[in-house]
Amino acid sequence: MSLDLRGLNPAPVTPFTPDGDVDHAAMAGLGKWLAGHDGVKSLVVLGHAGEGTFLTQDEQVALVRNLVAEVAVPIIAGITGEGTKVAVEEAKRAVDAGASAGLVYPSHGWLRFGYQAGAPQDRYKAIFEETGLPLILFQYPDNTKANYNLDTQLEIAAQPGVFATKNGVRNMRRWDTEIPVLRREQPGLQILSCHDEYLLHTMFDVDGLLVGYGGLAPEPLLELIAAGKAHDYNAARKVHDRLLPVTRAVYHRGSHMEGTVALKIGLRTRGILPNAVVRSPLADLTPEAEQEIADAIKAAQLA
């Protein structure tokens, strides 16, 4: 039976010690805090928000294994390896470490060069056949060459082992026309939005959220999910407006990658993490930006 992700699925940051090592104690504390909220269905690690591609293989395995031992919700591992064989080996390590599912990233060469027809389908097929790991389809933004057209999404969603989709198309015309088709053609597919900065628009069409934002503000996002499922626009808009200063401070930055740095600053402001240390190639934000984020957290009554 596939996992039930119909709720909030945070993609938390990875805490580091002041010396730059993975801080497993802080990670366990963050994971337990998130999992302690009713409606949190899983934690998704080793992705972009969690600096997963900046970790060594040993660090990735240790992170999954330790969280599985500490946290009472399923742990989903990002599968980010470039080549299919590399991704399969990465998925095998995740299975051995106790991961319950895998979020399959596109091969990152596709971001620049695009992909050959059928290659994404083969990537999912190989990973599932060789590991048995339940898989989540990851739809990248429309402005990248690693974005899947509707036919490709439908074919991947129909493959054995694929039980959910994390959609981050960030093109609302495509969202409004493609999500209903996915829902109609694959009614068992769990549809999750990852539009951290566009949650209000996507909130009424989904089963849940799979977002880095959930690692910072689980309480209001759970309210937002409830409002979306109730089709209560006024309640959803109220949560959106409350969070807008935080959304702007974290996600309306020069680079989406800065969002990870901002999430850590926000968690430090909330008293959840002891520091906001990041790993290169990420860099610290300016003191002015840090103050802006802290002020936004307080304005949203999250401090």
Protein backbone atom coordinates (compact mmCIF):
# COMPACT_ATOMS: atom_id res chain seq x y z
CA MET A 1 0.00 0.00 0.00
CA SER A 2 1.35 3.43 -0.93
CA LEU A 3 2.09 6.12 1.60
CA ASP A 4 -0.60 8.62 2.49
CA LEU A 5 0.86 12.06 1.88
CA ARG A 6 -2.49 13.87 1.94
CA GLY A 7 -1.44 16.66 4.26
CA LEU A 8 1.77 18.55 4.92
CA ASN A 9 5.10 17.03 3.89
CA PRO A 10 7.87 19.42 4.95
CA ALA A 11 11.23 19.37 3.20
CA PRO A 12 13.36 20.53 6.13
CA VAL A 13 16.77 22.15 5.98
CA THR A 14 19.86 20.25 7.13
CA PRO A 15 21.39 21.83 10.26
CA PHE A 16 25.16 22.08 10.48
CA THR A 17 27.46 22.61 13.43
CA PRO A 18 29.54 25.82 13.56
CA ASP A 19 32.37 23.71 12.11
CA GLY A 20 30.24 22.76 9.10
CA ASP A 21 29.43 19.12 9.96
CA VAL A 22 25.91 17.71 9.83
CA ASP A 23 24.32 18.37 13.21
CA HIS A 24 22.35 15.17 13.75
CA ALA A 25 21.10 16.22 17.18
CA ALA A 26 19.64 19.44 15.77
CA MET A 27 18.24 17.49 12.80
CA ALA A 28 16.50 15.08 15.15
CA GLY A 29 15.07 17.98 17.15
CA LEU A 30 13.81 19.70 14.00
CA GLY A 31 12.33 16.44 12.72
CA LYS A 32 10.55 15.67 15.98
CA TRP A 33 9.13 19.20 16.16
CA LEU A 34 7.76 18.97 12.62
CA ALA A 35 6.43 15.44 13.03
CA GLY A 36 4.69 16.48 16.23
CA HIS A 37 2.15 18.56 14.31
CA ASP A 38 -1.05 16.70 13.51
CA GLY A 39 -1.36 16.54 9.72
CA VAL A 40 2.37 16.22 8.95
CA LYS A 41 2.57 13.04 6.89
CA SER A 42 6.28 12.69 6.12
CA LEU A 43 9.61 14.49 6.03
CA VAL A 44 11.40 14.85 2.71
CA VAL A 45 15.18 15.13 2.94
CA LEU A 46 18.23 15.35 0.65
CA GLY A 47 16.61 17.81 -1.74
CA HIS A 48 17.49 21.40 -2.59
CA ALA A 49 16.03 22.99 0.54
CA GLY A 50 17.97 20.45 2.63
CA GLU A 51 21.27 21.01 0.79
CA GLY A 52 21.12 17.29 -0.01
CA THR A 53 23.29 17.55 -3.09
CA PHE A 54 25.96 19.27 -0.97
CA LEU A 55 26.28 16.23 1.33
CA THR A 56 28.64 13.31 0.82
CA GLN A 57 27.15 9.86 0.23
CA ASP A 58 28.02 8.84 3.79
CA GLU A 59 26.37 11.99 5.15
CA GLN A 60 23.23 11.36 3.10
CA VAL A 61 22.92 7.79 4.41
CA ALA A 62 23.56 8.84 8.01
CA LEU A 63 20.99 11.62 7.79
CA VAL A 64 18.24 9.26 6.59
CA ARG A 65 19.17 6.49 9.02
CA ASN A 66 19.25 8.78 12.05
CA LEU A 67 15.95 10.46 11.18
CA VAL A 68 14.25 7.11 10.64
CA ALA A 69 15.37 6.12 14.14
CA GLU A 70 14.25 9.39 15.73
CA VAL A 71 11.06 10.48 13.97
CA ALA A 72 7.66 8.80 13.93
CA VAL A 73 6.67 9.71 10.35
CA PRO A 74 7.98 8.24 7.07
CA ILE A 75 11.23 9.66 5.71
CA ILE A 76 11.34 10.31 1.97
CA ALA A 77 14.73 10.68 0.30
CA GLY A 78 15.51 12.89 -2.67
CA ILE A 79 17.08 10.88 -5.50
CA THR A 80 19.22 13.39 -7.37
CA GLY A 81 21.97 11.41 -9.13
CA GLU A 82 22.79 12.48 -12.68
CA GLY A 83 22.85 9.18 -14.56
CA THR A 84 20.24 6.46 -14.19
CA LYS A 85 22.70 3.90 -12.79
CA VAL A 86 23.96 6.49 -10.31
CA ALA A 87 20.37 7.29 -9.29
CA VAL A 88 19.61 3.58 -8.83
CA GLU A 89 22.60 3.18 -6.51
CA GLU A 90 21.52 6.28 -4.59
CA ALA A 91 18.02 4.81 -4.20
CA LYS A 92 19.49 1.51 -2.96
CA ARG A 93 21.39 3.38 -0.25
CA ALA A 94 18.21 5.19 0.72
CA VAL A 95 16.32 1.90 1.02
CA ASP A 96 19.08 0.41 3.15
CA ALA A 97 18.96 3.48 5.41
CA GLY A 98 15.21 3.06 5.93
CA ALA A 99 13.63 5.56 3.54
CA SER A 100 9.96 4.88 2.82
CA ALA A 101 9.87 6.52 -0.64
CA GLY A 102 11.98 8.47 -3.10
CA LEU A 103 11.45 11.88 -4.68
CA VAL A 104 13.02 11.49 -8.13
CA TYR A 105 14.73 14.58 -9.49
CA PRO A 106 15.37 14.88 -13.23
CA SER A 107 18.88 14.25 -14.44
CA HIS A 108 20.39 17.70 -14.01
CA GLY A 109 22.04 17.75 -17.43
CA TRP A 110 18.49 18.05 -18.73
CA LEU A 111 18.19 21.49 -17.14
CA ARG A 112 20.51 22.85 -19.80
CA PHE A 113 20.22 20.43 -22.71
CA GLY A 114 16.75 18.91 -22.41
CA TYR A 115 16.05 15.19 -22.56
CA GLN A 116 15.41 12.54 -25.17
CA ALA A 117 11.89 11.21 -25.50
CA GLY A 118 11.31 8.34 -23.10
CA ALA A 119 14.36 9.04 -20.93
CA PRO A 120 12.40 10.28 -17.89
CA GLN A 121 10.12 7.23 -18.03
CA ASP A 122 13.14 4.93 -18.14
CA ARG A 123 14.68 6.69 -15.12
CA TYR A 124 11.63 5.97 -12.96
CA LYS A 125 11.27 2.45 -14.31
CA ALA A 126 14.88 1.51 -13.54
CA ILE A 127 14.81 2.94 -10.03
CA PHE A 128 11.62 1.15 -9.04
CA GLU A 129 12.45 -2.17 -10.70
CA GLU A 130 15.87 -2.36 -9.08
CA THR A 131 14.96 -1.07 -5.61
CA GLY A 132 11.20 -1.43 -5.05
CA LEU A 133 11.23 2.09 -3.59
CA PRO A 134 7.85 3.88 -4.00
CA LEU A 135 8.43 6.99 -6.10
CA ILE A 136 7.18 10.56 -6.39
CA LEU A 137 7.14 12.26 -9.79
CA PHE A 138 8.84 15.66 -9.63
CA GLN A 139 7.59 18.28 -12.10
CA TYR A 140 10.19 21.04 -12.49
CA PRO A 141 9.37 24.67 -13.36
CA ASP A 142 8.10 25.44 -16.83
CA ASN A 143 11.08 27.68 -17.57
CA THR A 144 13.55 24.79 -17.36
CA LYS A 145 14.36 22.18 -20.00
CA ALA A 146 13.92 19.47 -17.36
CA ASN A 147 10.18 20.16 -17.29
CA TYR A 148 7.92 17.30 -18.42
CA ASN A 149 5.09 17.82 -20.90
CA LEU A 150 1.68 16.45 -19.99
CA ASP A 151 2.08 13.20 -21.94
CA THR A 152 5.36 12.46 -20.17
CA GLN A 153 3.78 13.16 -16.78
CA LEU A 154 0.87 10.85 -17.57
CA GLU A 155 3.18 8.05 -18.72
CA ILE A 156 5.36 8.30 -15.61
CA ALA A 157 2.30 8.49 -13.35
CA ALA A 158 0.97 5.27 -14.90
CA GLN A 159 4.16 3.32 -14.18
CA PRO A 160 4.36 0.81 -11.32
CA GLY A 161 5.71 2.34 -8.12
CA VAL A 162 4.79 5.95 -8.88
CA PHE A 163 2.16 7.01 -6.34
CA ALA A 164 2.36 10.82 -6.11
CA THR A 165 3.51 13.91 -7.95
CA LYS A 166 5.25 16.97 -6.57
CA ASN A 167 4.25 19.68 -9.03
CA GLY A 168 6.26 22.89 -9.19
CA VAL A 169 5.46 23.96 -12.77
CA ARG A 170 5.19 27.64 -11.73
CA ASN A 171 3.08 28.38 -14.79
CA MET A 172 -0.50 28.78 -13.67
CA ARG A 173 -1.89 28.28 -17.18
CA ARG A 174 -0.30 24.84 -17.25
CA TRP A 175 -1.33 24.13 -13.66
CA ASP A 176 -4.97 24.98 -14.39
CA THR A 177 -5.11 22.81 -17.52
CA GLU A 178 -2.83 19.89 -16.64
CA ILE A 179 -3.76 19.12 -13.02
CA PRO A 180 -7.39 18.25 -13.93
CA VAL A 181 -6.14 15.84 -16.61
CA LEU A 182 -3.73 14.16 -14.20
CA ARG A 183 -6.57 13.87 -11.68
CA ARG A 184 -8.94 12.39 -14.28
CA GLU A 185 -6.51 9.96 -15.91
CA GLN A 186 -4.78 8.85 -12.69
CA PRO A 187 -7.35 9.25 -9.90
CA GLY A 188 -5.16 7.37 -7.42
CA LEU A 189 -2.19 9.71 -7.92
CA GLN A 190 -1.62 11.95 -4.90
CA ILE A 191 -1.12 15.51 -6.15
CA LEU A 192 1.15 17.72 -4.06
CA SER A 193 1.97 21.36 -4.68
CA CYS A 194 5.51 22.61 -4.10
CA HIS A 195 4.77 26.23 -5.06
CA ASP A 196 6.18 27.85 -1.93
CA GLU A 197 5.55 31.33 -3.34
CA TYR A 198 2.24 30.51 -5.12
CA LEU A 199 0.46 28.37 -2.56
CA LEU A 200 -2.84 30.25 -2.56
CA HIS A 201 -3.46 29.63 -6.26
CA THR A 202 -2.61 25.92 -6.08
CA MET A 203 -4.21 25.17 -2.71
CA PHE A 204 -7.67 24.20 -3.93
CA ASP A 205 -6.61 21.45 -6.36
CA VAL A 206 -4.27 19.31 -4.28
CA ASP A 207 -4.13 16.49 -1.78
CA GLY A 208 -1.33 18.13 0.15
CA LEU A 209 1.89 20.11 0.11
CA LEU A 210 5.50 19.03 -0.27
CA VAL A 211 7.37 22.23 0.47
CA GLY A 212 10.48 23.60 2.11
CA TYR A 213 8.17 26.26 3.56
CA GLY A 214 6.60 23.51 5.67
CA GLY A 215 9.88 23.13 7.50
CA LEU A 216 9.62 26.70 8.78
CA ALA A 217 5.90 27.37 9.22
CA PRO A 218 4.02 24.08 9.60
CA GLU A 219 1.22 25.54 11.74
CA PRO A 220 -0.19 28.08 9.24
CA LEU A 221 0.41 25.75 6.29
CA LEU A 222 -1.71 23.09 7.97
CA GLU A 223 -4.42 25.74 8.33
CA LEU A 224 -4.01 26.56 4.65
CA ILE A 225 -4.39 22.91 3.63
CA ALA A 226 -7.56 22.62 5.70
CA ALA A 227 -8.98 25.78 4.11
CA GLY A 228 -8.13 24.53 0.63
CA LYS A 229 -9.79 21.17 1.18
CA ALA A 230 -12.87 22.96 2.54
CA HIS A 231 -12.81 25.30 -0.50
CA ASP A 232 -12.88 28.19 1.96
CA TYR A 233 -11.17 30.95 0.00
CA ASN A 234 -11.57 33.57 2.71
CA ALA A 235 -9.83 31.39 5.31
CA ALA A 236 -7.08 30.48 2.86
CA ARG A 237 -6.58 34.11 1.92
CA LYS A 238 -6.29 35.04 5.59
CA VAL A 239 -3.43 32.55 6.05
CA HIS A 240 -1.80 33.72 2.82
CA ASP A 241 -1.91 37.36 3.89
CA ARG A 242 -0.56 36.54 7.35
CA LEU A 243 2.38 34.69 5.78
CA LEU A 244 3.04 37.15 2.95
CA PRO A 245 5.83 39.03 4.78
CA VAL A 246 7.57 35.69 5.41
CA THR A 247 6.96 34.53 1.83
CA ARG A 248 8.52 37.72 0.52
CA ALA A 249 11.48 37.59 2.89
CA VAL A 250 12.24 33.93 2.19
CA TYR A 251 11.21 33.31 -1.42
CA HIS A 252 11.05 36.66 -3.21
CA ARG A 253 14.84 36.87 -3.28
CA GLY A 254 17.35 37.27 -6.08
CA SER A 255 17.88 33.50 -6.24
CA HIS A 256 15.52 30.74 -5.12
CA MET A 257 18.57 29.03 -3.60
CA GLU A 258 18.76 31.87 -1.08
CA GLY A 259 15.51 30.49 0.29
CA THR A 260 17.44 27.76 2.11
CA VAL A 261 19.59 30.35 3.87
CA ALA A 262 16.48 32.35 4.73
CA LEU A 263 14.70 29.25 6.06
CA LYS A 264 17.58 28.63 8.46
CA ILE A 265 17.53 32.23 9.63
CA GLY A 266 13.79 31.92 10.19
CA LEU A 267 14.20 28.70 12.19
CA ARG A 268 16.89 30.33 14.30
CA THR A 269 14.54 33.26 14.90
CA ARG A 270 11.82 30.83 15.96
CA GLY A 271 14.23 29.17 18.41
CA ILE A 272 14.06 25.82 16.60
CA LEU A 273 17.68 25.76 15.35
CA PRO A 274 20.74 27.01 17.20
CA ASN A 275 22.31 28.63 14.14
CA ALA A 276 21.86 29.32 10.43
CA VAL A 277 25.07 27.73 9.13
CA VAL A 278 24.96 26.78 5.45
CA ARG A 279 27.33 24.83 3.24
CA SER A 280 29.10 26.22 0.17
CA PRO A 281 28.15 27.14 -2.53
CA LEU A 282 25.45 28.78 -0.40
CA ALA A 283 26.56 31.92 1.41
CA ASP A 284 25.33 33.95 4.35
CA LEU A 285 22.87 36.76 3.69
CA THR A 286 23.52 40.35 4.66
CA PRO A 287 22.71 41.57 8.18
CA GLU A 288 19.94 43.69 6.63
CA ALA A 289 18.38 40.61 5.01
CA GLU A 290 18.65 38.68 8.27
CA GLN A 291 16.83 41.46 10.10
CA GLU A 292 14.13 41.54 7.40
CA ILE A 293 13.54 37.80 7.83
CA ALA A 294 13.44 38.04 11.62
CA ASP A 295 10.97 40.94 11.43
CA ALA A 296 8.77 38.97 9.02
CA ILE A 297 8.71 35.96 11.35
CA LYS A 298 7.59 38.19 14.19
CA ALA A 299 4.99 39.94 12.03
CA ALA A 300 3.47 36.55 11.16
CA GLN A 301 3.34 35.70 14.88
CA LEU A 302 5.72 32.78 14.42
CA ALA A 303 8.48 33.95 16.75
